[in-house]
Amino acid sequence: MIDLDTIVQPLRTPFILGSTTTLCVIAAIALVVTRFSIATKSREFFDALIRREPALAESFGPPSVFTRYGPIYPSRMRYLKEKRFESISDAALRDEGRSLCRWLILDGVAFVIFILLILVRLGLAA
C-alpha cells in the first residue's frame, strides 16, 4: 500500500507552498475580474436588448429580495442559457450575447480552478 504522506512530504517546501498560495491569489483575482466583467457586459447587453425590444423589460427585472444570485439576475441567466439571443436580428447584439456566454463559461472555469487550487493548498499544508 502506498502511503500518501510519503508522496506529499517532498512537496511541502516553502517554494511550493508559496507558489500554490500565489496561484490561489491569482485565481481569486481572475474570479473577481470575470464576475465584474460579466456584471458590466450583462448590464450593457440587456439594456441594449430592452431598448431594441421594450416588451422584454418586465421579464428581466430584479429578483425578489431573498433570492440569491451570482453576477447576473436569474431571469437573464435563463435567457442566455436558452440561447434566445440567437434569434435577434441585430448581428452586433447577437455577437454581444455570444460574448457574454463565453464570459460565463470563463467564470465557471475560473471558479473550478480556484476551488482546486484551494484544495491542493490545503492538502499540502496538512
N, C-alpha and C. Protein backbone atom coordinates (compact mmCIF):
# COMPACT_ATOMS: atom_id res chain seq x y z
N MET A 1 0.84 -1.18 0.00
CA MET A 1 0.00 0.00 0.00
C MET A 1 0.89 1.25 0.00
N ILE A 2 0.59 2.19 -0.85
CA ILE A 2 1.36 3.42 -0.96
C ILE A 2 0.86 4.41 0.09
N ASP A 3 1.80 4.95 0.83
CA ASP A 3 1.47 5.95 1.84
C ASP A 3 1.46 7.32 1.17
N LEU A 4 0.31 7.98 1.19
CA LEU A 4 0.16 9.27 0.54
C LEU A 4 1.08 10.32 1.15
N ASP A 5 1.34 10.23 2.43
CA ASP A 5 2.20 11.20 3.10
C ASP A 5 3.63 11.17 2.56
N THR A 6 4.11 9.99 2.15
CA THR A 6 5.46 9.92 1.59
C THR A 6 5.54 10.59 0.22
N ILE A 7 4.42 10.67 -0.48
CA ILE A 7 4.38 11.36 -1.78
C ILE A 7 4.28 12.87 -1.57
N VAL A 8 3.45 13.29 -0.63
CA VAL A 8 3.17 14.71 -0.42
C VAL A 8 4.30 15.40 0.34
N GLN A 9 4.99 14.70 1.22
CA GLN A 9 6.02 15.30 2.06
C GLN A 9 7.08 16.09 1.28
N PRO A 10 7.63 15.56 0.17
CA PRO A 10 8.63 16.36 -0.58
C PRO A 10 8.06 17.63 -1.20
N LEU A 11 6.72 17.69 -1.34
CA LEU A 11 6.08 18.87 -1.94
C LEU A 11 5.83 19.98 -0.92
N ARG A 12 6.09 19.71 0.33
CA ARG A 12 5.83 20.69 1.38
C ARG A 12 7.02 21.61 1.61
N THR A 13 7.60 22.08 0.57
CA THR A 13 8.71 23.03 0.69
C THR A 13 8.15 24.44 0.70
N PRO A 14 8.88 25.40 1.25
CA PRO A 14 8.37 26.78 1.25
C PRO A 14 8.09 27.31 -0.16
N PHE A 15 8.92 26.90 -1.14
CA PHE A 15 8.70 27.37 -2.51
C PHE A 15 7.36 26.87 -3.06
N ILE A 16 7.07 25.59 -2.88
CA ILE A 16 5.83 25.01 -3.38
C ILE A 16 4.63 25.61 -2.66
N LEU A 17 4.73 25.73 -1.34
CA LEU A 17 3.63 26.32 -0.57
C LEU A 17 3.39 27.77 -0.98
N GLY A 18 4.47 28.52 -1.18
CA GLY A 18 4.34 29.90 -1.63
C GLY A 18 3.76 29.99 -3.04
N SER A 19 4.18 29.08 -3.89
CA SER A 19 3.67 29.07 -5.27
C SER A 19 2.19 28.75 -5.32
N THR A 20 1.76 27.78 -4.54
CA THR A 20 0.33 27.45 -4.54
C THR A 20 -0.50 28.58 -3.94
N THR A 21 0.04 29.25 -2.94
CA THR A 21 -0.65 30.40 -2.36
C THR A 21 -0.77 31.51 -3.39
N THR A 22 0.31 31.77 -4.13
CA THR A 22 0.29 32.80 -5.16
C THR A 22 -0.72 32.45 -6.25
N LEU A 23 -0.76 31.19 -6.66
CA LEU A 23 -1.73 30.76 -7.67
C LEU A 23 -3.16 30.91 -7.16
N CYS A 24 -3.39 30.66 -5.88
CA CYS A 24 -4.72 30.86 -5.30
C CYS A 24 -5.13 32.32 -5.36
N VAL A 25 -4.20 33.20 -5.05
CA VAL A 25 -4.49 34.63 -5.09
C VAL A 25 -4.76 35.07 -6.53
N ILE A 26 -3.97 34.58 -7.48
CA ILE A 26 -4.18 34.93 -8.89
C ILE A 26 -5.54 34.42 -9.36
N ALA A 27 -5.90 33.20 -8.98
CA ALA A 27 -7.21 32.66 -9.36
C ALA A 27 -8.34 33.46 -8.74
N ALA A 28 -8.17 33.91 -7.50
CA ALA A 28 -9.19 34.73 -6.85
C ALA A 28 -9.35 36.06 -7.58
N ILE A 29 -8.24 36.66 -7.98
CA ILE A 29 -8.30 37.92 -8.72
C ILE A 29 -8.97 37.70 -10.07
N ALA A 30 -8.64 36.59 -10.75
CA ALA A 30 -9.27 36.28 -12.03
C ALA A 30 -10.77 36.09 -11.85
N LEU A 31 -11.17 35.48 -10.76
CA LEU A 31 -12.59 35.28 -10.48
C LEU A 31 -13.30 36.61 -10.28
N VAL A 32 -12.69 37.51 -9.54
CA VAL A 32 -13.28 38.83 -9.32
C VAL A 32 -13.39 39.60 -10.63
N VAL A 33 -12.35 39.54 -11.45
CA VAL A 33 -12.36 40.25 -12.73
C VAL A 33 -13.44 39.70 -13.66
N THR A 34 -13.56 38.37 -13.73
CA THR A 34 -14.59 37.80 -14.61
C THR A 34 -15.99 38.15 -14.11
N ARG A 35 -16.18 38.11 -12.80
CA ARG A 35 -17.51 38.46 -12.26
C ARG A 35 -17.85 39.92 -12.55
N PHE A 36 -16.87 40.80 -12.39
CA PHE A 36 -17.11 42.22 -12.68
C PHE A 36 -17.40 42.42 -14.16
N SER A 37 -16.64 41.75 -15.02
CA SER A 37 -16.85 41.87 -16.47
C SER A 37 -18.22 41.33 -16.87
N ILE A 38 -18.62 40.22 -16.26
CA ILE A 38 -19.93 39.65 -16.58
C ILE A 38 -21.04 40.61 -16.16
N ALA A 39 -20.92 41.17 -14.97
CA ALA A 39 -21.94 42.11 -14.50
C ALA A 39 -22.04 43.32 -15.42
N THR A 40 -20.90 43.84 -15.84
CA THR A 40 -20.88 45.01 -16.72
C THR A 40 -21.42 44.67 -18.10
N LYS A 41 -20.92 43.59 -18.69
CA LYS A 41 -21.37 43.20 -20.03
C LYS A 41 -22.84 42.80 -20.03
N SER A 42 -23.29 42.16 -18.95
CA SER A 42 -24.69 41.77 -18.85
C SER A 42 -25.58 43.01 -18.83
N ARG A 43 -25.21 43.98 -18.03
CA ARG A 43 -26.00 45.21 -17.95
C ARG A 43 -26.07 45.89 -19.31
N GLU A 44 -24.92 45.99 -20.00
CA GLU A 44 -24.89 46.62 -21.32
C GLU A 44 -25.74 45.85 -22.34
N PHE A 45 -25.59 44.52 -22.34
CA PHE A 45 -26.32 43.70 -23.31
C PHE A 45 -27.82 43.79 -23.09
N PHE A 46 -28.27 43.63 -21.85
CA PHE A 46 -29.71 43.63 -21.61
C PHE A 46 -30.31 45.02 -21.71
N ASP A 47 -29.55 46.08 -21.43
CA ASP A 47 -30.05 47.43 -21.68
C ASP A 47 -30.26 47.65 -23.17
N ALA A 48 -29.32 47.20 -23.99
CA ALA A 48 -29.46 47.33 -25.45
C ALA A 48 -30.61 46.46 -25.96
N LEU A 49 -30.75 45.27 -25.40
CA LEU A 49 -31.84 44.38 -25.81
C LEU A 49 -33.19 44.97 -25.47
N ILE A 50 -33.31 45.55 -24.28
CA ILE A 50 -34.58 46.16 -23.87
C ILE A 50 -34.87 47.41 -24.69
N ARG A 51 -33.84 48.17 -25.06
CA ARG A 51 -34.05 49.32 -25.94
C ARG A 51 -34.58 48.85 -27.30
N ARG A 52 -34.08 47.72 -27.75
CA ARG A 52 -34.50 47.20 -29.06
C ARG A 52 -35.88 46.56 -28.98
N GLU A 53 -36.16 45.83 -27.90
CA GLU A 53 -37.45 45.16 -27.72
C GLU A 53 -38.01 45.52 -26.34
N PRO A 54 -38.70 46.66 -26.22
CA PRO A 54 -39.20 47.12 -24.92
C PRO A 54 -40.15 46.15 -24.22
N ALA A 55 -40.78 45.25 -24.96
CA ALA A 55 -41.72 44.30 -24.36
C ALA A 55 -41.01 43.34 -23.40
N LEU A 56 -39.71 43.16 -23.54
CA LEU A 56 -38.94 42.26 -22.68
C LEU A 56 -38.57 42.89 -21.33
N ALA A 57 -38.82 44.17 -21.17
CA ALA A 57 -38.35 44.89 -19.98
C ALA A 57 -38.82 44.24 -18.68
N GLU A 58 -40.08 43.88 -18.61
CA GLU A 58 -40.58 43.34 -17.34
C GLU A 58 -40.13 41.91 -17.08
N SER A 59 -39.71 41.18 -18.11
CA SER A 59 -39.26 39.81 -17.88
C SER A 59 -37.83 39.74 -17.35
N PHE A 60 -37.08 40.85 -17.41
CA PHE A 60 -35.70 40.87 -16.92
C PHE A 60 -35.52 41.72 -15.68
N GLY A 61 -36.57 41.91 -14.94
CA GLY A 61 -36.49 42.72 -13.73
C GLY A 61 -35.68 42.03 -12.64
N PRO A 62 -35.36 42.76 -11.59
CA PRO A 62 -34.59 42.16 -10.49
C PRO A 62 -35.41 41.11 -9.76
N PRO A 63 -34.76 40.10 -9.19
CA PRO A 63 -35.48 39.06 -8.46
C PRO A 63 -35.99 39.58 -7.12
N SER A 64 -36.73 38.75 -6.42
CA SER A 64 -37.24 39.16 -5.12
C SER A 64 -36.08 39.39 -4.15
N VAL A 65 -36.39 40.01 -3.05
CA VAL A 65 -35.37 40.43 -2.09
C VAL A 65 -34.55 39.25 -1.55
N PHE A 66 -35.16 38.12 -1.33
CA PHE A 66 -34.49 37.00 -0.70
C PHE A 66 -33.85 36.02 -1.68
N THR A 67 -33.85 36.35 -2.97
CA THR A 67 -33.26 35.47 -3.98
C THR A 67 -31.76 35.70 -4.03
N ARG A 68 -31.00 34.60 -4.01
CA ARG A 68 -29.54 34.68 -4.13
C ARG A 68 -29.17 34.44 -5.58
N TYR A 69 -28.23 35.20 -6.09
CA TYR A 69 -27.80 35.03 -7.46
C TYR A 69 -26.37 35.49 -7.61
N GLY A 70 -25.75 35.10 -8.71
CA GLY A 70 -24.35 35.44 -8.97
C GLY A 70 -24.22 36.80 -9.62
N PRO A 71 -23.36 36.89 -10.63
CA PRO A 71 -23.09 38.18 -11.23
C PRO A 71 -24.23 38.73 -12.09
N ILE A 72 -25.20 37.88 -12.47
CA ILE A 72 -26.34 38.40 -13.25
C ILE A 72 -27.64 37.83 -12.69
N TYR A 73 -28.75 38.51 -12.97
CA TYR A 73 -30.06 38.08 -12.48
C TYR A 73 -30.42 36.70 -13.04
N PRO A 74 -31.17 35.89 -12.27
CA PRO A 74 -31.56 34.56 -12.75
C PRO A 74 -32.37 34.59 -14.05
N SER A 75 -33.25 35.58 -14.21
CA SER A 75 -34.05 35.66 -15.43
C SER A 75 -33.15 35.92 -16.64
N ARG A 76 -32.12 36.70 -16.46
CA ARG A 76 -31.18 36.97 -17.55
C ARG A 76 -30.31 35.74 -17.84
N MET A 77 -29.97 35.01 -16.79
CA MET A 77 -29.18 33.79 -16.97
C MET A 77 -29.99 32.76 -17.76
N ARG A 78 -31.29 32.64 -17.44
CA ARG A 78 -32.15 31.71 -18.18
C ARG A 78 -32.18 32.08 -19.66
N TYR A 79 -32.30 33.37 -19.95
CA TYR A 79 -32.33 33.84 -21.34
C TYR A 79 -31.05 33.44 -22.06
N LEU A 80 -29.91 33.59 -21.40
CA LEU A 80 -28.64 33.24 -22.03
C LEU A 80 -28.47 31.73 -22.16
N LYS A 81 -28.88 30.97 -21.15
CA LYS A 81 -28.75 29.52 -21.19
C LYS A 81 -29.58 28.92 -22.32
N GLU A 82 -30.74 29.50 -22.56
CA GLU A 82 -31.61 29.02 -23.63
C GLU A 82 -31.16 29.52 -25.00
N LYS A 83 -30.13 30.36 -25.01
CA LYS A 83 -29.57 30.94 -26.24
C LYS A 83 -30.64 31.62 -27.10
N ARG A 84 -31.54 32.31 -26.42
CA ARG A 84 -32.60 33.02 -27.15
C ARG A 84 -32.05 34.23 -27.89
N PHE A 85 -30.85 34.66 -27.54
CA PHE A 85 -30.24 35.79 -28.25
C PHE A 85 -29.90 35.43 -29.69
N GLU A 86 -29.84 34.14 -30.02
CA GLU A 86 -29.53 33.72 -31.39
C GLU A 86 -30.62 34.13 -32.37
N SER A 87 -31.83 34.39 -31.87
CA SER A 87 -32.93 34.77 -32.76
C SER A 87 -33.02 36.29 -32.98
N ILE A 88 -32.12 37.06 -32.38
CA ILE A 88 -32.13 38.51 -32.55
C ILE A 88 -31.64 38.84 -33.97
N SER A 89 -32.33 39.77 -34.61
CA SER A 89 -31.96 40.11 -35.99
C SER A 89 -30.71 40.99 -36.05
N ASP A 90 -30.44 41.74 -35.00
CA ASP A 90 -29.26 42.62 -34.96
C ASP A 90 -28.00 41.78 -34.72
N ALA A 91 -27.10 41.75 -35.70
CA ALA A 91 -25.89 40.91 -35.61
C ALA A 91 -24.97 41.34 -34.46
N ALA A 92 -24.85 42.64 -34.24
CA ALA A 92 -23.97 43.12 -33.17
C ALA A 92 -24.49 42.69 -31.80
N LEU A 93 -25.78 42.77 -31.62
CA LEU A 93 -26.38 42.37 -30.35
C LEU A 93 -26.27 40.85 -30.16
N ARG A 94 -26.43 40.11 -31.24
CA ARG A 94 -26.29 38.65 -31.18
C ARG A 94 -24.86 38.27 -30.80
N ASP A 95 -23.89 38.96 -31.38
CA ASP A 95 -22.48 38.71 -31.04
C ASP A 95 -22.18 39.06 -29.59
N GLU A 96 -22.80 40.12 -29.12
CA GLU A 96 -22.62 40.52 -27.72
C GLU A 96 -23.18 39.45 -26.78
N GLY A 97 -24.29 38.83 -27.15
CA GLY A 97 -24.86 37.73 -26.37
C GLY A 97 -23.93 36.53 -26.35
N ARG A 98 -23.34 36.21 -27.49
CA ARG A 98 -22.37 35.10 -27.55
C ARG A 98 -21.16 35.39 -26.68
N SER A 99 -20.69 36.63 -26.73
CA SER A 99 -19.55 37.03 -25.91
C SER A 99 -19.87 36.89 -24.42
N LEU A 100 -21.05 37.28 -24.05
CA LEU A 100 -21.46 37.17 -22.65
C LEU A 100 -21.51 35.70 -22.22
N CYS A 101 -21.96 34.82 -23.11
CA CYS A 101 -21.96 33.38 -22.79
C CYS A 101 -20.53 32.88 -22.60
N ARG A 102 -19.61 33.35 -23.42
CA ARG A 102 -18.21 32.94 -23.25
C ARG A 102 -17.66 33.42 -21.91
N TRP A 103 -18.02 34.62 -21.49
CA TRP A 103 -17.59 35.14 -20.19
C TRP A 103 -18.14 34.29 -19.06
N LEU A 104 -19.38 33.82 -19.21
CA LEU A 104 -19.96 32.95 -18.19
C LEU A 104 -19.22 31.62 -18.11
N ILE A 105 -18.83 31.08 -19.24
CA ILE A 105 -18.05 29.84 -19.25
C ILE A 105 -16.69 30.08 -18.59
N LEU A 106 -16.05 31.19 -18.92
CA LEU A 106 -14.77 31.54 -18.32
C LEU A 106 -14.91 31.69 -16.80
N ASP A 107 -16.01 32.25 -16.36
CA ASP A 107 -16.26 32.39 -14.92
C ASP A 107 -16.36 31.02 -14.25
N GLY A 108 -17.05 30.11 -14.88
CA GLY A 108 -17.15 28.76 -14.34
C GLY A 108 -15.81 28.07 -14.26
N VAL A 109 -15.00 28.22 -15.30
CA VAL A 109 -13.67 27.62 -15.32
C VAL A 109 -12.79 28.25 -14.23
N ALA A 110 -12.83 29.57 -14.10
CA ALA A 110 -12.04 30.24 -13.07
C ALA A 110 -12.46 29.79 -11.67
N PHE A 111 -13.75 29.59 -11.47
CA PHE A 111 -14.23 29.14 -10.17
C PHE A 111 -13.73 27.73 -9.85
N VAL A 112 -13.81 26.83 -10.81
CA VAL A 112 -13.34 25.46 -10.60
C VAL A 112 -11.84 25.44 -10.32
N ILE A 113 -11.08 26.21 -11.08
CA ILE A 113 -9.63 26.29 -10.87
C ILE A 113 -9.33 26.83 -9.47
N PHE A 114 -10.06 27.85 -9.06
CA PHE A 114 -9.87 28.42 -7.74
C PHE A 114 -10.12 27.38 -6.65
N ILE A 115 -11.21 26.65 -6.76
CA ILE A 115 -11.54 25.62 -5.76
C ILE A 115 -10.47 24.52 -5.75
N LEU A 116 -10.04 24.08 -6.92
CA LEU A 116 -9.00 23.05 -6.99
C LEU A 116 -7.69 23.52 -6.37
N LEU A 117 -7.32 24.76 -6.64
CA LEU A 117 -6.09 25.30 -6.06
C LEU A 117 -6.18 25.40 -4.54
N ILE A 118 -7.34 25.81 -4.04
CA ILE A 118 -7.52 25.86 -2.59
C ILE A 118 -7.39 24.46 -1.99
N LEU A 119 -8.00 23.47 -2.63
CA LEU A 119 -7.92 22.10 -2.12
C LEU A 119 -6.47 21.58 -2.15
N VAL A 120 -5.75 21.89 -3.22
CA VAL A 120 -4.33 21.49 -3.29
C VAL A 120 -3.53 22.17 -2.20
N ARG A 121 -3.78 23.46 -2.02
CA ARG A 121 -3.05 24.22 -1.00
C ARG A 121 -3.33 23.66 0.40
N LEU A 122 -4.60 23.36 0.66
CA LEU A 122 -4.95 22.80 1.97
C LEU A 122 -4.36 21.40 2.14
N GLY A 123 -4.32 20.64 1.07
CA GLY A 123 -3.72 19.30 1.13
C GLY A 123 -2.23 19.35 1.39
N LEU A 124 -1.55 20.34 0.83
CA LEU A 124 -0.12 20.47 1.06
C LEU A 124 0.18 21.00 2.46
N ALA A 125 -0.70 21.80 3.00
CA ALA A 125 -0.46 22.40 4.31
C ALA A 125 -0.75 21.41 5.44
N ALA A 126 -1.54 20.40 5.17
CA ALA A 126 -1.93 19.47 6.24
C ALA A 126 -0.79 18.60 6.69
